Amino acid sequence: MDKGKAGKRLGKPTPLEYGFLFGGPALFLLIAWALASSFIGPPPREATVKQIRQGAVKVGMSEADVLAKVGKPKGIIPKDDGGFTYRYQSSAWDPDRKSPLEEDAYVEFSDSGSVSGISFDSRVPDPVPGDKSSAKP
């Protein structure tokens, strides 16, 4: 029985064909990862307020040390005695209250530029008028 072209067996793949077989999908994944990371950006940093709460900033640190550890503040509050306060802010989901939680960390500097105190403030923001997701039954 004549098998013709349909019954012809393929030979062993060449190194170039192996390169396409394994290199093609690998190149695709590399390009997909590069494109996705360029749109998404770098992985999120841990919340600044959480870093401060866990001890990243300590009393006696200089202003440059604080900026290097936790970055720029959301705001700077000048004080009458020549010092100033850095205000850091973050938002998080509070699973106990099932609502968003806004947290602030205040890093107080003396007039010499060193950290003199650290305090925290947490609050639940007011519900948005007309938002039915936060309405109570």
Protein backbone atom coordinates (compact mmCIF):
# COMPACT_ATOMS: atom_id res chain seq x y z
CA MET A 1 0.00 0.00 0.00
CA ASP A 2 1.38 3.40 -0.98
CA LYS A 3 1.24 5.91 1.87
CA GLY A 4 2.49 8.84 -0.19
CA LYS A 5 3.19 12.13 1.51
CA ALA A 6 0.70 11.56 4.34
CA GLY A 7 2.68 8.66 5.79
CA LYS A 8 6.07 10.33 5.65
CA ARG A 9 7.78 10.58 9.05
CA LEU A 10 9.38 13.75 10.26
CA GLY A 11 13.05 13.76 11.10
CA LYS A 12 14.67 14.73 14.36
CA PRO A 13 14.29 18.50 15.07
CA THR A 14 17.33 20.62 14.38
CA PRO A 15 18.87 22.93 17.02
CA LEU A 16 17.23 25.89 15.29
CA GLU A 17 13.81 24.22 15.58
CA TYR A 18 14.47 23.50 19.27
CA GLY A 19 15.28 27.18 19.65
CA PHE A 20 11.88 28.13 18.22
CA LEU A 21 10.04 25.44 20.23
CA PHE A 22 11.42 26.53 23.60
CA GLY A 23 12.64 30.06 22.93
CA GLY A 24 9.39 31.30 21.39
CA PRO A 25 7.19 30.70 24.47
CA ALA A 26 9.97 31.93 26.77
CA LEU A 27 10.32 35.12 24.71
CA PHE A 28 6.54 35.57 24.74
CA LEU A 29 6.43 35.29 28.55
CA LEU A 30 9.34 37.72 28.91
CA ILE A 31 7.67 40.31 26.67
CA ALA A 32 4.30 39.82 28.43
CA TRP A 33 5.95 40.30 31.84
CA ALA A 34 7.79 43.44 30.65
CA LEU A 35 4.61 44.98 29.23
CA ALA A 36 2.51 44.12 32.28
CA SER A 37 5.09 45.52 34.71
CA SER A 38 5.44 48.71 32.67
CA PHE A 39 1.67 49.32 32.90
CA ILE A 40 1.22 48.20 36.49
CA GLY A 41 4.41 49.73 37.87
CA PRO A 42 6.56 48.55 40.75
CA PRO A 43 5.08 46.46 43.54
CA PRO A 44 3.38 48.56 46.20
CA ARG A 45 5.40 49.56 49.22
CA GLU A 46 4.22 48.73 52.66
CA ALA A 47 2.07 51.55 54.03
CA THR A 48 4.24 54.32 55.44
CA VAL A 49 2.16 54.65 58.60
CA LYS A 50 2.56 50.91 59.19
CA GLN A 51 6.34 51.21 58.74
CA ILE A 52 6.47 54.04 61.28
CA ARG A 53 4.25 52.08 63.70
CA GLN A 54 6.63 49.11 63.41
CA GLY A 55 9.61 51.25 64.43
CA ALA A 56 11.17 52.49 61.17
CA VAL A 57 11.35 55.98 62.72
CA LYS A 58 12.78 56.47 66.20
CA VAL A 59 13.19 59.47 68.49
CA GLY A 60 16.56 61.13 67.87
CA MET A 61 16.75 60.36 64.13
CA SER A 62 17.67 63.20 61.80
CA GLU A 63 15.35 64.57 59.14
CA ALA A 64 17.52 63.03 56.39
CA ASP A 65 17.31 59.60 58.09
CA VAL A 66 13.52 59.82 58.27
CA LEU A 67 13.24 60.81 54.61
CA ALA A 68 15.56 57.94 53.62
CA LYS A 69 13.56 55.39 55.67
CA VAL A 70 9.94 56.30 54.87
CA GLY A 71 10.03 58.92 52.12
CA LYS A 72 8.44 62.32 51.71
CA PRO A 73 5.54 63.25 53.98
CA LYS A 74 2.03 64.12 52.85
CA GLY A 75 2.37 67.46 54.59
CA ILE A 76 4.65 69.56 56.79
CA ILE A 77 3.21 71.45 59.75
CA PRO A 78 5.40 74.29 61.10
CA LYS A 79 5.50 74.82 64.87
CA ASP A 80 5.91 78.10 66.78
CA ASP A 81 9.11 76.95 68.52
CA GLY A 82 11.01 76.55 65.23
CA GLY A 83 10.36 72.85 64.89
CA PHE A 84 8.03 71.15 62.46
CA THR A 85 5.92 68.02 62.09
CA TYR A 86 5.79 65.59 59.18
CA ARG A 87 2.35 64.16 58.50
CA TYR A 88 2.16 60.76 56.82
CA GLN A 89 -1.21 59.34 55.76
CA SER A 90 -2.45 55.98 54.58
CA SER A 91 -5.78 54.28 54.01
CA ALA A 92 -6.57 50.67 54.75
CA TRP A 93 -9.55 48.37 55.05
CA ASP A 94 -10.58 47.64 58.63
CA PRO A 95 -11.96 44.07 58.62
CA ASP A 96 -13.44 44.43 62.13
CA ARG A 97 -15.58 47.45 61.23
CA LYS A 98 -15.94 46.45 57.56
CA SER A 99 -15.14 49.98 56.47
CA PRO A 100 -12.16 52.01 55.27
CA LEU A 101 -9.82 53.37 57.91
CA GLU A 102 -7.63 56.44 57.50
CA GLU A 103 -4.46 56.52 59.56
CA ASP A 104 -2.07 59.40 60.13
CA ALA A 105 1.40 59.34 61.63
CA TYR A 106 2.89 62.55 62.95
CA VAL A 107 6.69 62.72 63.25
CA GLU A 108 7.63 65.76 65.31
CA PHE A 109 11.01 67.42 64.85
CA SER A 110 12.70 69.80 67.26
CA ASP A 111 14.24 73.07 66.08
CA SER A 112 17.58 71.21 65.76
CA GLY A 113 16.06 68.88 63.12
CA SER A 114 15.92 65.63 65.09
CA VAL A 115 12.82 63.56 65.85
CA SER A 116 11.36 64.58 69.20
CA GLY A 117 8.14 62.55 69.14
CA ILE A 118 5.87 60.26 67.14
CA SER A 119 2.09 60.05 67.38
CA PHE A 120 -0.71 58.31 65.48
CA ASP A 121 -4.33 59.09 64.66
CA SER A 122 -6.95 56.76 63.14
CA ARG A 123 -10.44 57.57 61.96
CA VAL A 124 -13.24 56.14 59.88
CA PRO A 125 -14.15 58.57 57.10
CA ASP A 126 -17.69 59.88 56.86
CA PRO A 127 -19.92 57.89 54.49
CA VAL A 128 -20.50 59.35 51.05
CA PRO A 129 -24.06 60.75 50.76
CA GLY A 130 -26.20 58.50 48.58
CA ASP A 131 -23.79 55.54 48.88
CA LYS A 132 -25.99 52.51 49.59
CA SER A 133 -23.04 50.19 50.28
CA SER A 134 -22.42 51.80 53.69
CA ALA A 135 -26.09 52.15 54.64
CA LYS A 136 -27.26 50.13 57.64
CA PRO A 137 -30.31 47.87 57.22
